[in-house]
Protein backbone atom coordinates (compact mmCIF):
# COMPACT_ATOMS: atom_id res chain seq x y z
CA MET A 1 0.00 0.14 -0.06
CA MET A 2 1.09 3.51 -0.79
CA LYS A 3 1.76 6.00 2.11
CA PHE A 4 0.30 9.56 1.60
CA ILE A 5 1.09 12.85 2.95
CA LYS A 6 -2.08 15.13 3.67
CA VAL A 7 -2.12 18.83 4.65
CA ASN A 8 -5.22 20.76 5.71
CA GLY A 9 -4.76 24.38 4.87
CA GLY A 10 -7.80 25.54 6.57
CA ALA A 11 -11.46 26.21 5.47
CA ASP A 12 -10.75 26.39 1.77
CA SER A 13 -7.53 24.21 1.01
CA ALA A 14 -6.27 20.73 1.40
CA TYR A 15 -3.47 18.77 -0.32
CA ALA A 16 -2.64 15.20 -0.43
CA ALA A 17 0.17 13.39 -2.34
CA PRO A 18 1.92 10.01 -2.30
CA LEU A 19 5.05 9.90 -0.16
CA GLU A 20 7.10 8.83 -3.12
CA ASN A 21 6.44 12.27 -4.71
CA LEU A 22 8.10 14.09 -1.82
CA LEU A 23 11.02 16.13 -3.07
CA SER A 24 12.30 18.00 -0.08
CA VAL A 25 11.57 19.57 3.47
CA HIS A 26 13.61 22.45 4.03
CA ALA A 27 13.80 25.65 6.17
CA ASP A 28 15.91 28.14 4.37
CA THR A 29 14.12 31.45 5.77
CA ASP A 30 13.65 32.07 9.52
CA ALA A 31 10.35 30.74 10.62
CA LYS A 32 9.26 29.14 7.56
CA LEU A 33 9.14 25.56 6.47
CA SER A 34 8.76 24.50 2.77
CA VAL A 35 7.69 21.00 1.65
CA THR A 36 7.93 20.31 -2.04
CA PHE A 37 6.54 17.48 -4.19
CA LYS A 38 6.69 16.43 -7.77
CA SER A 39 3.77 18.51 -9.31
CA SER A 40 0.35 17.08 -9.31
CA LEU A 41 -0.63 19.25 -12.28
CA PRO A 42 -0.86 17.66 -15.93
CA LEU A 43 1.90 18.26 -18.44
CA ASN A 44 0.27 21.42 -20.01
CA LEU A 45 1.80 23.91 -17.37
CA VAL A 46 2.10 27.18 -19.36
CA THR A 47 5.06 28.15 -17.21
CA VAL A 48 7.18 25.24 -17.88
CA GLY A 49 6.06 23.81 -21.31
CA ASN A 50 4.23 20.70 -22.15
CA SER A 51 7.18 18.04 -22.34
CA ALA A 52 7.73 15.47 -19.81
CA ALA A 53 11.09 17.12 -19.19
CA ALA A 54 9.58 20.44 -18.61
CA ALA A 55 6.88 18.99 -16.40
CA GLY A 56 9.64 17.39 -14.34
CA LYS A 57 10.80 20.79 -13.33
CA ALA A 58 7.55 21.72 -11.79
CA TYR A 59 6.74 21.04 -8.16
CA ASP A 60 4.01 21.61 -5.78
CA GLU A 61 4.88 23.48 -2.52
CA ILE A 62 3.47 23.87 0.85
CA ILE A 63 4.70 26.61 3.17
CA PHE A 64 4.27 26.52 6.88
CA SER A 65 4.89 29.18 9.51
CA ILE A 66 7.10 27.72 12.38
CA THR A 67 8.52 28.83 15.70
CA ALA A 68 11.62 31.12 15.03
CA ASP A 69 14.76 29.37 15.57
CA GLN A 70 13.25 25.90 15.67
CA GLU A 71 13.83 25.02 11.99
CA ASP A 72 16.07 21.94 12.72
CA GLU A 73 13.76 20.61 15.29
CA VAL A 74 10.69 21.03 12.95
CA VAL A 75 12.35 19.39 9.98
CA ASP A 76 13.47 16.61 12.30
CA ALA A 77 9.86 16.25 13.67
CA VAL A 78 8.54 16.06 10.16
CA LEU A 79 11.08 13.50 9.02
CA GLN A 80 10.26 11.47 12.09
CA MET A 81 6.52 11.38 11.18
CA LEU A 82 7.20 10.58 7.57
CA THR A 83 9.25 7.61 8.26
CA ALA A 84 7.27 6.14 11.22
CA VAL A 85 5.46 2.86 10.71
CA GLY A 86 2.56 3.70 13.04
CA THR A 87 -0.02 1.28 14.45
CA SER A 88 -3.41 3.10 13.74
CA LYS A 89 -5.65 2.10 11.04
CA ASN A 90 -4.75 5.42 9.22
CA ASN A 91 -0.98 4.71 9.37
CA MET A 92 -0.61 5.18 5.59
CA ILE A 93 -1.84 8.74 5.89
CA VAL A 94 0.58 11.23 7.39
CA GLU A 95 -0.93 14.62 8.23
CA LEU A 96 1.36 17.52 8.29
CA GLY A 97 0.34 20.77 10.20
CA THR A 98 -0.05 22.23 13.36
CA ALA A 99 -0.25 19.15 15.39
CA ILE A 100 3.53 18.98 14.90
CA THR A 101 5.18 20.97 17.64
CA GLY A 102 6.70 24.03 16.11
CA ILE A 103 4.40 24.33 13.19
CA THR A 104 1.92 27.30 13.77
CA ALA A 105 0.10 27.66 10.54
CA VAL A 106 -0.10 26.45 6.87
CA ASP A 107 0.67 29.60 4.99
CA SER A 108 -0.02 28.45 1.35
CA ILE A 109 -0.56 25.36 -0.85
CA THR A 110 0.72 26.17 -4.32
CA LEU A 111 0.42 23.77 -7.30
CA GLY A 112 2.79 23.89 -10.30
CA VAL A 113 5.53 26.10 -9.20
CA ALA A 114 8.12 26.46 -11.97
């Protein structure tokens, strides 16, 4: 069975992707965490062209607000969640969000960033 990552962005947004589409988890700006995935959009992205090679350059990005100066700890907590086996009946769905200590908000969910 495939493991999925789910993000609830609030009242009007949510995102889910297979764990195998994860590209990176990084905090390169103070108090922000970025999680990127292979794009979920089809190959006709105007911004990158319509070839498979062009679409491979596109990605989906989730940006979270996190506690300042806790970047390393939050990245570690996310990685621990993603690699955990779990014992619940929903252990194939990993929800990223404010339940993780240090993540304070889901700022944005953007599809097809080029």
